Amino acid sequence: MKDPGEAAAYINAAMEGGDKEDLLMALRDVAEATGGMRRLAGKTGIPRESLYRSLSGRGNPEYSTLTTVVRALGLTIRVEPGNGSGRPVARGVYIVLVTGGGLNERLKVVVR
């Protein structure tokens, strides 16, 4: 899973179920596959112990932690409105893009 495209596909698959725990564990798996938590801690400036806690099934990381981790893994997270109007919607269907390594994966997310 060292390939960013493969990592993006893996994370997208984890997000399909809508469970936060699945997403966090997928990020942790990708981190472990790409050099481990020590390397990720060095790249992010986030202490290794905090990364283990944040990227666990019980983790509740801040948005800034998630974006820092995702960037350090060579990926990007974007959210787009899914109603076709180009305007944000509070409820509805959103498309989340996880990109990396020249791959753009789209994931439909329903907000109720």
Protein backbone atom coordinates (compact mmCIF):
# COMPACT_ATOMS: atom_id res chain seq x y z
CA MET A 1 0.00 0.00 0.00
CA LYS A 2 2.94 2.32 -0.54
CA ASP A 3 1.37 3.54 -3.79
CA PRO A 4 -0.72 6.70 -3.13
CA GLY A 5 -3.40 5.53 -5.56
CA GLU A 6 -3.75 2.23 -3.74
CA ALA A 7 -3.83 4.04 -0.39
CA ALA A 8 -6.54 6.42 -1.66
CA ALA A 9 -8.65 3.51 -2.90
CA TYR A 10 -8.25 1.72 0.45
CA ILE A 11 -9.28 4.80 2.43
CA ASN A 12 -12.24 5.41 0.12
CA ALA A 13 -13.42 1.84 0.61
CA ALA A 14 -13.19 2.34 4.38
CA MET A 15 -15.27 5.52 4.12
CA GLU A 16 -18.07 3.87 2.15
CA GLY A 17 -19.67 2.45 5.27
CA GLY A 18 -19.79 5.85 6.94
CA ASP A 19 -18.13 4.66 10.16
CA LYS A 20 -15.55 7.02 11.62
CA GLU A 21 -13.71 4.07 13.13
CA ASP A 22 -13.22 2.48 9.70
CA LEU A 23 -11.73 5.70 8.33
CA LEU A 24 -9.37 6.12 11.28
CA MET A 25 -8.19 2.52 11.12
CA ALA A 26 -7.63 2.81 7.36
CA LEU A 27 -5.50 5.92 7.89
CA ARG A 28 -3.55 4.04 10.54
CA ASP A 29 -3.06 1.05 8.22
CA VAL A 30 -1.76 3.32 5.46
CA ALA A 31 0.56 5.06 7.94
CA GLU A 32 1.95 1.70 9.08
CA ALA A 33 2.40 0.53 5.48
CA THR A 34 4.28 3.68 4.50
CA GLY A 35 6.92 3.75 7.19
CA GLY A 36 5.10 3.51 10.50
CA MET A 37 3.92 5.90 13.15
CA ARG A 38 7.42 7.08 14.04
CA ARG A 39 7.93 8.29 10.47
CA LEU A 40 4.45 9.86 10.38
CA ALA A 41 5.14 11.62 13.68
CA GLY A 42 8.33 13.06 12.20
CA LYS A 43 6.53 14.29 9.09
CA THR A 44 3.58 15.79 10.97
CA GLY A 45 5.12 17.03 14.19
CA ILE A 46 2.38 15.16 16.08
CA PRO A 47 3.70 12.94 18.89
CA ARG A 48 3.62 9.24 18.03
CA GLU A 49 1.48 8.41 21.07
CA SER A 50 -1.09 11.01 20.00
CA LEU A 51 -1.19 9.50 16.53
CA TYR A 52 -1.84 6.04 17.96
CA ARG A 53 -4.72 7.43 20.04
CA SER A 54 -6.16 9.57 17.24
CA LEU A 55 -6.00 6.81 14.63
CA SER A 56 -7.60 4.12 16.75
CA GLY A 57 -11.12 2.78 16.71
CA ARG A 58 -11.88 4.99 19.69
CA GLY A 59 -10.04 8.03 18.33
CA ASN A 60 -11.68 11.41 18.02
CA PRO A 61 -9.07 13.51 16.22
CA GLU A 62 -9.39 17.20 15.50
CA TYR A 63 -9.93 18.20 11.89
CA SER A 64 -6.45 19.74 11.84
CA THR A 65 -4.96 16.39 12.91
CA LEU A 66 -6.81 14.55 10.13
CA THR A 67 -5.74 16.99 7.44
CA THR A 68 -2.14 16.99 8.65
CA VAL A 69 -2.05 13.18 8.62
CA VAL A 70 -3.70 12.93 5.21
CA ARG A 71 -1.25 15.44 3.69
CA ALA A 72 1.72 13.65 5.25
CA LEU A 73 0.49 10.43 3.61
CA GLY A 74 0.60 12.19 0.23
CA LEU A 75 -3.19 12.43 -0.09
CA THR A 76 -5.82 15.17 -0.21
CA ILE A 77 -9.40 15.27 1.04
CA ARG A 78 -11.95 17.48 -0.68
CA VAL A 79 -15.69 17.80 -0.25
CA GLU A 80 -17.99 18.99 -3.02
CA PRO A 81 -21.72 19.54 -3.04
CA GLY A 82 -23.53 16.74 -4.76
CA ASN A 83 -26.69 18.57 -5.80
CA GLY A 84 -25.23 19.83 -9.08
CA SER A 85 -25.88 23.49 -8.25
CA GLY A 86 -22.35 24.30 -7.11
CA ARG A 87 -23.79 25.70 -3.88
CA PRO A 88 -23.07 24.03 -0.55
CA VAL A 89 -25.96 22.16 1.01
CA ALA A 90 -26.43 21.42 4.71
CA ARG A 91 -28.19 18.13 4.03
CA GLY A 92 -28.00 15.98 0.98
CA VAL A 93 -25.43 14.10 -0.97
CA TYR A 94 -21.82 15.20 -1.06
CA ILE A 95 -18.96 13.86 -3.10
CA VAL A 96 -15.67 13.41 -1.24
CA LEU A 97 -12.52 13.27 -3.32
CA VAL A 98 -9.46 11.51 -1.95
CA THR A 99 -6.59 12.10 -4.32
CA GLY A 100 -3.00 11.06 -4.54
CA GLY A 101 -0.54 9.65 -7.00
CA GLY A 102 -2.51 10.95 -9.96
CA LEU A 103 -5.66 9.12 -8.86
CA ASN A 104 -8.96 10.84 -8.07
CA GLU A 105 -11.40 8.61 -6.18
CA ARG A 106 -14.96 9.86 -5.66
CA LEU A 107 -17.03 8.72 -2.71
CA LYS A 108 -20.69 9.59 -2.23
CA VAL A 109 -21.54 10.69 1.33
CA VAL A 110 -25.12 11.23 2.45
CA VAL A 111 -25.69 13.89 5.13
CA ARG A 112 -29.02 13.60 6.91
